[in-house]
PDB file of N, CA and C in Angstrom:
ATOM      1  N   UNK A   1     203.090  68.781  75.369  1.00  0.00           N
ATOM      2  CA  UNK A   1     201.995  69.335  76.175  1.00  0.00           C
ATOM      3  C   UNK A   1     201.854  70.154  76.873  1.00  0.00           C
ATOM      4  N   UNK A   2     202.895  71.333  77.340  1.00  0.00           N
ATOM      5  CA  UNK A   2     202.920  72.217  77.851  1.00  0.00           C
ATOM      6  C   UNK A   2     202.374  73.281  77.071  1.00  0.00           C
ATOM      7  N   UNK A   3     202.523  73.240  75.649  1.00  0.00           N
ATOM      8  CA  UNK A   3     202.221  73.763  74.413  1.00  0.00           C
ATOM      9  C   UNK A   3     200.690  73.784  73.802  1.00  0.00           C
ATOM     10  N   UNK A   4     199.876  72.733  74.487  1.00  0.00           N
ATOM     11  CA  UNK A   4     198.662  72.756  73.523  1.00  0.00           C
ATOM     12  C   UNK A   4     197.419  73.184  75.056  1.00  0.00           C
ATOM     13  N   UNK A   5     198.465  73.255  76.436  1.00  0.00           N
ATOM     14  CA  UNK A   5     197.855  73.578  77.566  1.00  0.00           C
ATOM     15  C   UNK A   5     197.574  75.364  77.427  1.00  0.00           C
ATOM     16  N   UNK A   6     198.745  75.589  77.345  1.00  0.00           N
ATOM     17  CA  UNK A   6     199.029  77.213  76.642  1.00  0.00           C
ATOM     18  C   UNK A   6     198.112  77.689  76.142  1.00  0.00           C
ATOM     19  N   UNK A   7     197.991  76.787  74.606  1.00  0.00           N
ATOM     20  CA  UNK A   7     197.081  77.387  73.978  1.00  0.00           C
ATOM     21  C   UNK A   7     195.613  77.165  74.541  1.00  0.00           C
ATOM     22  N   UNK A   8     194.876  76.706  74.645  1.00  0.00           N
ATOM     23  CA  UNK A   8     193.646  76.238  75.371  1.00  0.00           C
ATOM     24  C   UNK A   8     193.650  77.231  76.103  1.00  0.00           C
ATOM     25  N   UNK A   9     194.683  77.976  76.810  1.00  0.00           N
ATOM     26  CA  UNK A   9     194.512  78.718  78.329  1.00  0.00           C
ATOM     27  C   UNK A   9     194.078  79.842  77.566  1.00  0.00           C
ATOM     28  N   UNK A  10     195.328  80.396  76.428  1.00  0.00           N
ATOM     29  CA  UNK A  10     194.676  81.418  75.770  1.00  0.00           C
ATOM     30  C   UNK A  10     193.124  81.328  75.029  1.00  0.00           C
ATOM     31  N   UNK A  11     193.176  80.327  74.775  1.00  0.00           N
ATOM     32  CA  UNK A  11     191.882  80.332  73.957  1.00  0.00           C
ATOM     33  C   UNK A  11     190.421  80.426  74.803  1.00  0.00           C
ATOM     34  N   UNK A  12     190.683  79.900  76.051  1.00  0.00           N
ATOM     35  CA  UNK A  12     189.606  80.088  76.358  1.00  0.00           C
ATOM     36  C   UNK A  12     189.571  81.790  77.472  1.00  0.00           C
ATOM     37  N   UNK A  13     190.453  82.188  77.358  1.00  0.00           N
ATOM     38  CA  UNK A  13     190.526  83.673  77.938  1.00  0.00           C
ATOM     39  C   UNK A  13     190.047  84.215  76.767  1.00  0.00           C
ATOM     40  N   UNK A  14     190.522  83.984  75.816  1.00  0.00           N
ATOM     41  CA  UNK A  14     189.782  84.729  74.380  1.00  0.00           C
ATOM     42  C   UNK A  14     187.866  84.352  74.195  1.00  0.00           C
ATOM     43  N   UNK A  15     187.981  83.330  74.426  1.00  0.00           N
ATOM     44  CA  UNK A  15     186.248  82.814  74.474  1.00  0.00           C
ATOM     45  C   UNK A  15     185.851  84.144  75.392  1.00  0.00           C
ATOM     46  N   UNK A  16     186.530  84.010  76.795  1.00  0.00           N
ATOM     47  CA  UNK A  16     185.882  84.666  77.417  1.00  0.00           C
ATOM     48  C   UNK A  16     185.710  86.323  77.400  1.00  0.00           C
ATOM     49  N   UNK A  17     186.904  86.836  76.617  1.00  0.00           N
ATOM     50  CA  UNK A  17     187.135  88.336  76.483  1.00  0.00           C
ATOM     51  C   UNK A  17     185.759  88.329  75.081  1.00  0.00           C
ATOM     52  N   UNK A  18     185.656  87.648  74.349  1.00  0.00           N
ATOM     53  CA  UNK A  18     184.815  87.743  73.194  1.00  0.00           C
ATOM     54  C   UNK A  18     183.794  87.857  73.930  1.00  0.00           C
ATOM     55  N   UNK A  19     183.429  86.902  74.970  1.00  0.00           N
ATOM     56  CA  UNK A  19     181.677  86.970  75.060  1.00  0.00           C
ATOM     57  C   UNK A  19     181.499  87.996  76.224  1.00  0.00           C
ATOM     58  N   UNK A  20     182.171  88.764  77.160  1.00  0.00           N
ATOM     59  CA  UNK A  20     182.136  89.616  77.661  1.00  0.00           C
ATOM     60  C   UNK A  20     181.830  90.918  76.703  1.00  0.00           C
ATOM     61  N   UNK A  21     182.657  90.772  75.182  1.00  0.00           N
ATOM     62  CA  UNK A  21     182.490  92.309  74.541  1.00  0.00           C
ATOM     63  C   UNK A  21     181.316  91.959  73.508  1.00  0.00           C
ATOM     64  N   UNK A  22     180.907  90.617  73.708  1.00  0.00           N
ATOM     65  CA  UNK A  22     179.281  90.480  72.532  1.00  0.00           C
ATOM     66  C   UNK A  22     178.248  91.122  73.418  1.00  0.00           C
ATOM     67  N   UNK A  23     178.339  90.773  75.113  1.00  0.00           N
ATOM     68  CA  UNK A  23     177.149  91.090  76.222  1.00  0.00           C
ATOM     69  C   UNK A  23     177.538  92.842  76.183  1.00  0.00           C
ATOM     70  N   UNK A  24     178.449  93.155  75.745  1.00  0.00           N
ATOM     71  CA  UNK A  24     178.614  94.552  76.041  1.00  0.00           C
ATOM     72  C   UNK A  24     177.859  95.194  74.629  1.00  0.00           C
ATOM     73  N   UNK A  25     177.966  94.717  73.532  1.00  0.00           N
ATOM     74  CA  UNK A  25     177.804  95.470  72.239  1.00  0.00           C
ATOM     75  C   UNK A  25     176.160  95.117  72.168  1.00  0.00           C
ATOM     76  N   UNK A  26     175.480  93.880  72.845  1.00  0.00           N
ATOM     77  CA  UNK A  26     173.862  93.496  73.259  1.00  0.00           C
ATOM     78  C   UNK A  26     173.463  94.664  73.952  1.00  0.00           C
ATOM     79  N   UNK A  27     174.306  95.437  74.842  1.00  0.00           N
ATOM     80  CA  UNK A  27     173.536  96.231  75.774  1.00  0.00           C
ATOM     81  C   UNK A  27     173.469  97.628  74.710  1.00  0.00           C
ATOM     82  N   UNK A  28     174.146  98.148  74.385  1.00  0.00           N
ATOM     83  CA  UNK A  28     174.261  99.312  73.470  1.00  0.00           C
ATOM     84  C   UNK A  28     173.616  98.587  72.211  1.00  0.00           C
ATOM     85  N   UNK A  29     172.691  99.809  71.754  1.00  0.00           N
ATOM     86  CA  UNK A  29     172.062  99.533  70.519  1.00  0.00           C
ATOM     87  C   UNK A  29     171.934 100.353  69.668  1.00  0.00           C
ATOM     88  N   UNK A  30     172.934  99.797  68.490  1.00  0.00           N
ATOM     89  CA  UNK A  30     173.477 100.543  67.156  1.00  0.00           C
ATOM     90  C   UNK A  30     172.040 100.865  66.394  1.00  0.00           C
ATOM     91  N   UNK A  31     172.046 102.088  66.050  1.00  0.00           N
ATOM     92  CA  UNK A  31     170.875 102.697  65.572  1.00  0.00           C
ATOM     93  C   UNK A  31     171.308 103.271  64.316  1.00  0.00           C
ATOM     94  N   UNK A  32     170.467 102.627  62.936  1.00  0.00           N
ATOM     95  CA  UNK A  32     170.519 103.030  62.063  1.00  0.00           C
ATOM     96  C   UNK A  32     170.312 104.630  61.340  1.00  0.00           C
ATOM     97  N   UNK A  33     171.257 105.131  60.508  1.00  0.00           N
ATOM     98  CA  UNK A  33     170.883 106.545  60.239  1.00  0.00           C
ATOM     99  C   UNK A  33     169.473 106.741  59.850  1.00  0.00           C
ATOM    100  N   UNK A  34     168.599 106.005  59.182  1.00  0.00           N
ATOM    101  CA  UNK A  34     167.181 105.729  58.734  1.00  0.00           C
ATOM    102  C   UNK A  34     166.191 106.104  60.272  1.00  0.00           C
ATOM    103  N   UNK A  35     166.484 105.306  61.335  1.00  0.00           N
ATOM    104  CA  UNK A  35     165.774 104.613  61.908  1.00  0.00           C
ATOM    105  C   UNK A  35     166.182 106.451  63.040  1.00  0.00           C
ATOM    106  N   UNK A  36     167.257 106.519  62.899  1.00  0.00           N
ATOM    107  CA  UNK A  36     167.949 108.016  63.593  1.00  0.00           C
ATOM    108  C   UNK A  36     167.017 109.374  63.031  1.00  0.00           C
ATOM    109  N   UNK A  37     167.125 109.168  61.470  1.00  0.00           N
ATOM    110  CA  UNK A  37     166.196 110.200  60.958  1.00  0.00           C
ATOM    111  C   UNK A  37     164.682 110.363  60.896  1.00  0.00           C
ATOM    112  N   UNK A  38     163.761 109.204  61.045  1.00  0.00           N
ATOM    113  CA  UNK A  38     162.646 108.737  61.230  1.00  0.00           C
ATOM    114  C   UNK A  38     162.280 109.338  62.748  1.00  0.00           C
ATOM    115  N   UNK A  39     163.373 109.149  63.957  1.00  0.00           N
ATOM    116  CA  UNK A  39     163.187 109.364  64.812  1.00  0.00           C
ATOM    117  C   UNK A  39     163.364 111.000  65.203  1.00  0.00           C
ATOM    118  N   UNK A  40     163.643 111.390  64.427  1.00  0.00           N
ATOM    119  CA  UNK A  40     164.166 113.552  64.000  1.00  0.00           C
ATOM    120  C   UNK A  40     163.238 114.007  63.746  1.00  0.00           C
ATOM    121  N   UNK A  41     162.653 113.228  62.448  1.00  0.00           N
ATOM    122  CA  UNK A  41     161.513 113.972  62.212  1.00  0.00           C
ATOM    123  C   UNK A  41     160.291 113.673  62.927  1.00  0.00           C
ATOM    124  N   UNK A  42     160.006 112.477  63.435  1.00  0.00           N
ATOM    125  CA  UNK A  42     159.035 112.638  64.486  1.00  0.00           C
ATOM    126  C   UNK A  42     158.964 113.376  65.454  1.00  0.00           C
ATOM    127  N   UNK A  43     159.858 113.641  66.349  1.00  0.00           N
ATOM    128  CA  UNK A  43     160.418 114.453  67.166  1.00  0.00           C
ATOM    129  C   UNK A  43     159.758 116.143  66.680  1.00  0.00           C
ATOM    130  N   UNK A  44     160.582 116.738  65.647  1.00  0.00           N
ATOM    131  CA  UNK A  44     159.949 117.432  64.725  1.00  0.00           C
ATOM    132  C   UNK A  44     158.941 118.211  65.067  1.00  0.00           C
ATOM    133  N   UNK A  45     158.032 116.813  64.240  1.00  0.00           N
ATOM    134  CA  UNK A  45     156.279 116.891  64.055  1.00  0.00           C
ATOM    135  C   UNK A  45     156.079 116.777  65.638  1.00  0.00           C
ATOM    136  N   UNK A  46     156.442 116.485  66.320  1.00  0.00           N
ATOM    137  CA  UNK A  46     156.074 116.477  67.310  1.00  0.00           C
ATOM    138  C   UNK A  46     155.777 118.178  68.546  1.00  0.00           C
ATOM    139  N   UNK A  47     157.122 118.388  68.314  1.00  0.00           N
ATOM    140  CA  UNK A  47     157.193 119.942  68.726  1.00  0.00           C
ATOM    141  C   UNK A  47     156.701 120.933  68.258  1.00  0.00           C
ATOM    142  N   UNK A  48     155.989 120.550  66.476  1.00  0.00           N
ATOM    143  CA  UNK A  48     155.403 121.881  66.318  1.00  0.00           C
ATOM    144  C   UNK A  48     154.233 121.562  66.308  1.00  0.00           C
ATOM    145  N   UNK A  49     153.231 119.993  67.107  1.00  0.00           N
ATOM    146  CA  UNK A  49     152.135 119.773  67.186  1.00  0.00           C
ATOM    147  C   UNK A  49     152.020 120.480  68.947  1.00  0.00           C
ATOM    148  N   UNK A  50     152.849 120.550  69.287  1.00  0.00           N
ATOM    149  CA  UNK A  50     152.814 121.027  71.200  1.00  0.00           C
ATOM    150  C   UNK A  50     152.647 123.246  71.001  1.00  0.00           C
ATOM    151  N   UNK A  51     153.573 123.458  70.041  1.00  0.00           N
ATOM    152  CA  UNK A  51     153.428 125.172  69.373  1.00  0.00           C
ATOM    153  C   UNK A  51     151.851 124.928  69.258  1.00  0.00           C
ATOM    154  N   UNK A  52     151.835 124.259  67.991  1.00  0.00           N
ATOM    155  CA  UNK A  52     150.502 124.410  67.416  1.00  0.00           C
ATOM    156  C   UNK A  52     148.913 124.973  68.677  1.00  0.00           C
ATOM    157  N   UNK A  53     149.265 123.663  69.636  1.00  0.00           N
ATOM    158  CA  UNK A  53     148.755 123.644  70.892  1.00  0.00           C
ATOM    159  C   UNK A  53     148.459 124.472  71.643  1.00  0.00           C
ATOM    160  N   UNK A  54     149.744 125.087  71.469  1.00  0.00           N
ATOM    161  CA  UNK A  54     149.871 126.347  72.579  1.00  0.00           C
ATOM    162  C   UNK A  54     149.059 127.724  71.945  1.00  0.00           C
ATOM    163  N   UNK A  55     149.686 127.597  70.638  1.00  0.00           N
ATOM    164  CA  UNK A  55     148.968 128.905  69.627  1.00  0.00           C
ATOM    165  C   UNK A  55     147.408 128.901  69.879  1.00  0.00           C
ATOM    166  N   UNK A  56     146.365 127.797  69.911  1.00  0.00           N
ATOM    167  CA  UNK A  56     145.512 127.610  69.870  1.00  0.00           C
ATOM    168  C   UNK A  56     144.717 127.768  71.173  1.00  0.00           C
ATOM    169  N   UNK A  57     145.334 127.492  71.990  1.00  0.00           N
ATOM    170  CA  UNK A  57     145.035 127.516  73.689  1.00  0.00           C
ATOM    171  C   UNK A  57     145.164 128.947  73.710  1.00  0.00           C
ATOM    172  N   UNK A  58     146.096 130.333  73.771  1.00  0.00           N
ATOM    173  CA  UNK A  58     145.837 131.290  73.623  1.00  0.00           C
ATOM    174  C   UNK A  58     144.827 132.079  73.112  1.00  0.00           C
ATOM    175  N   UNK A  59     144.999 131.375  71.638  1.00  0.00           N
ATOM    176  CA  UNK A  59     143.375 132.058  70.837  1.00  0.00           C
ATOM    177  C   UNK A  59     142.253 132.277  71.632  1.00  0.00           C
ATOM    178  N   UNK A  60     142.130 130.718  72.209  1.00  0.00           N
ATOM    179  CA  UNK A  60     140.866 130.297  72.833  1.00  0.00           C
ATOM    180  C   UNK A  60     140.491 130.995  74.118  1.00  0.00           C
ATOM    181  N   UNK A  61     141.779 131.276  74.433  1.00  0.00           N
ATOM    182  CA  UNK A  61     141.509 132.230  76.039  1.00  0.00           C
ATOM    183  C   UNK A  61     140.910 133.737  75.762  1.00  0.00           C
ATOM    184  N   UNK A  62     142.144 134.455  74.621  1.00  0.00           N
ATOM    185  CA  UNK A  62     141.400 135.586  73.895  1.00  0.00           C
ATOM    186  C   UNK A  62     140.350 135.754  73.656  1.00  0.00           C
ATOM    187  N   UNK A  63     139.402 134.224  72.695  1.00  0.00           N
ATOM    188  CA  UNK A  63     138.597 134.549  72.123  1.00  0.00           C
ATOM    189  C   UNK A  63     137.073 135.137  73.219  1.00  0.00           C
ATOM    190  N   UNK A  64     137.981 133.834  74.442  1.00  0.00           N
ATOM    191  CA  UNK A  64     137.160 134.161  75.902  1.00  0.00           C
ATOM    192  C   UNK A  64     137.012 135.117  76.858  1.00  0.00           C
ATOM    193  N   UNK A  65     137.668 135.782  76.732  1.00  0.00           N
ATOM    194  CA  UNK A  65     137.900 137.110  77.315  1.00  0.00           C
ATOM    195  C   UNK A  65     136.544 138.284  76.415  1.00  0.00           C
ATOM    196  N   UNK A  66     137.190 138.193  75.504  1.00  0.00           N
ATOM    197  CA  UNK A  66     136.579 139.036  74.347  1.00  0.00           C
ATOM    198  C   UNK A  66     134.685 138.980  74.371  1.00  0.00           C
ATOM    199  N   UNK A  67     134.694 137.603  74.359  1.00  0.00           N
ATOM    200  CA  UNK A  67     133.192 137.215  74.487  1.00  0.00           C
ATOM    201  C   UNK A  67     132.497 137.382  76.187  1.00  0.00           C
ATOM    202  N   UNK A  68     133.582 137.333  76.891  1.00  0.00           N
ATOM    203  CA  UNK A  68     133.280 137.520  78.037  1.00  0.00           C
ATOM    204  C   UNK A  68     132.489 139.562  78.375  1.00  0.00           C
ATOM    205  N   UNK A  69     133.873 140.039  77.945  1.00  0.00           N
ATOM    206  CA  UNK A  69     133.462 141.367  77.973  1.00  0.00           C
ATOM    207  C   UNK A  69     132.469 142.011  77.174  1.00  0.00           C
ATOM    208  N   UNK A  70     132.584 141.398  76.326  1.00  0.00           N
ATOM    209  CA  UNK A  70     130.470 141.414  75.300  1.00  0.00           C
ATOM    210  C   UNK A  70     129.645 141.812  76.019  1.00  0.00           C
ATOM    211  N   UNK A  71     129.494 140.263  76.166  1.00  0.00           N
ATOM    212  CA  UNK A  71     128.209 140.019  77.456  1.00  0.00           C
ATOM    213  C   UNK A  71     128.167 140.458  78.555  1.00  0.00           C
ATOM    214  N   UNK A  72     128.856 140.851  79.168  1.00  0.00           N
ATOM    215  CA  UNK A  72     129.190 142.336  79.980  1.00  0.00           C
ATOM    216  C   UNK A  72     128.657 143.597  79.668  1.00  0.00           C
ATOM    217  N   UNK A  73     128.719 143.678  78.330  1.00  0.00           N
ATOM    218  CA  UNK A  73     128.908 145.409  77.724  1.00  0.00           C
ATOM    219  C   UNK A  73     127.512 144.857  77.606  1.00  0.00           C
ATOM    220  N   UNK A  74     126.771 143.794  76.721  1.00  0.00           N
ATOM    221  CA  UNK A  74     125.588 144.021  76.194  1.00  0.00           C
ATOM    222  C   UNK A  74     124.831 144.168  77.699  1.00  0.00           C
ATOM    223  N   UNK A  75     124.753 143.598  78.351  1.00  0.00           N
ATOM    224  CA  UNK A  75     123.828 143.116  79.715  1.00  0.00           C
ATOM    225  C   UNK A  75     123.617 144.164  80.702  1.00  0.00           C
ATOM    226  N   UNK A  76     124.534 144.851  80.679  1.00  0.00           N
ATOM    227  CA  UNK A  76     124.987 146.073  82.136  1.00  0.00           C
ATOM    228  C   UNK A  76     125.006 145.139  82.603  1.00  0.00           C
ATOM    229  N   UNK A  77     125.660 144.284  83.002  1.00  0.00           N
ATOM    230  CA  UNK A  77     125.740 143.711  84.442  1.00  0.00           C
ATOM    231  C   UNK A  77     127.727 144.044  84.982  1.00  0.00           C
ATOM    232  N   UNK A  78     127.710 143.355  86.327  1.00  0.00           N
ATOM    233  CA  UNK A  78     129.079 144.189  86.719  1.00  0.00           C
ATOM    234  C   UNK A  78     129.431 142.709  86.456  1.00  0.00           C
ATOM    235  N   UNK A  79     130.782 142.411  86.782  1.00  0.00           N
ATOM    236  CA  UNK A  79     131.744 141.388  86.024  1.00  0.00           C
ATOM    237  C   UNK A  79     131.208 140.157  87.397  1.00  0.00           C
ATOM    238  N   UNK A  80     131.233 141.013  88.662  1.00  0.00           N
ATOM    239  CA  UNK A  80     130.552 139.750  89.763  1.00  0.00           C
ATOM    240  C   UNK A  80     129.389 139.233  89.487  1.00  0.00           C
ATOM    241  N   UNK A  81     128.253 139.523  88.824  1.00  0.00           N
ATOM    242  CA  UNK A  81     127.178 138.915  88.692  1.00  0.00           C
ATOM    243  C   UNK A  81     127.639 137.778  87.387  1.00  0.00           C
ATOM    244  N   UNK A  82     128.414 138.330  86.210  1.00  0.00           N
ATOM    245  CA  UNK A  82     128.534 136.886  85.047  1.00  0.00           C
ATOM    246  C   UNK A  82     129.905 135.850  86.080  1.00  0.00           C
ATOM    247  N   UNK A  83     130.778 136.217  86.971  1.00  0.00           N
ATOM    248  CA  UNK A  83     131.313 135.508  87.315  1.00  0.00           C
ATOM    249  C   UNK A  83     131.043 134.360  87.675  1.00  0.00           C
ATOM    250  N   UNK A  84     129.974 134.506  89.258  1.00  0.00           N
ATOM    251  CA  UNK A  84     129.107 133.934  89.856  1.00  0.00           C
ATOM    252  C   UNK A  84     128.155 133.202  89.204  1.00  0.00           C
ATOM    253  N   UNK A  85     127.084 133.750  88.698  1.00  0.00           N
ATOM    254  CA  UNK A  85     126.107 132.897  88.131  1.00  0.00           C
ATOM    255  C   UNK A  85     125.996 132.832  86.875  1.00  0.00           C
ATOM    256  N   UNK A  86     126.750 132.168  86.054  1.00  0.00           N
ATOM    257  CA  UNK A  86     126.747 131.953  84.552  1.00  0.00           C
ATOM    258  C   UNK A  86     125.787 131.655  83.804  1.00  0.00           C
ATOM    259  N   UNK A  87     124.757 130.850  84.733  1.00  0.00           N
ATOM    260  CA  UNK A  87     123.471 130.253  84.154  1.00  0.00           C
ATOM    261  C   UNK A  87     122.653 131.007  84.248  1.00  0.00           C
ATOM    262  N   UNK A  88     122.869 132.082  84.940  1.00  0.00           N
ATOM    263  CA  UNK A  88     121.631 133.555  85.124  1.00  0.00           C
ATOM    264  C   UNK A  88     121.190 134.077  83.810  1.00  0.00           C
ATOM    265  N   UNK A  89     121.846 134.508  82.960  1.00  0.00           N
ATOM    266  CA  UNK A  89     121.874 134.666  81.421  1.00  0.00           C
ATOM    267  C   UNK A  89     121.432 133.865  80.739  1.00  0.00           C
ATOM    268  N   UNK A  90     121.521 132.241  80.917  1.00  0.00           N
ATOM    269  CA  UNK A  90     120.970 131.164  80.264  1.00  0.00           C
ATOM    270  C   UNK A  90     119.635 131.068  80.209  1.00  0.00           C
ATOM    271  N   UNK A  91     118.832 131.374  81.783  1.00  0.00           N
ATOM    272  CA  UNK A  91     117.905 130.805  81.955  1.00  0.00           C
ATOM    273  C   UNK A  91     116.629 131.945  81.573  1.00  0.00           C
ATOM    274  N   UNK A  92     117.263 133.467  81.839  1.00  0.00           N
ATOM    275  CA  UNK A  92     116.075 134.065  80.946  1.00  0.00           C
ATOM    276  C   UNK A  92     115.551 134.233  79.604  1.00  0.00           C
TER     277      UNK A  92
END
């Protein structure tokens, strides 16, 4: 009888260990290689998109500066008039 009690005790201890281990595995999500590659590609694409956005912003700022300079030169006005009254040229 003592032997059966020891076996049932060991069995319940093993069941508890397995349950704890199962919970640990449930918390840790195992990612497949395919998912990892897909996420890596998406990350790379996002980095490229950000870099392209930065390049476009730099280009637009440069164009804005060039156009502002051209307006100043063609209207022969000083920078303060253009900077503080941008609608003045539109109303003429």
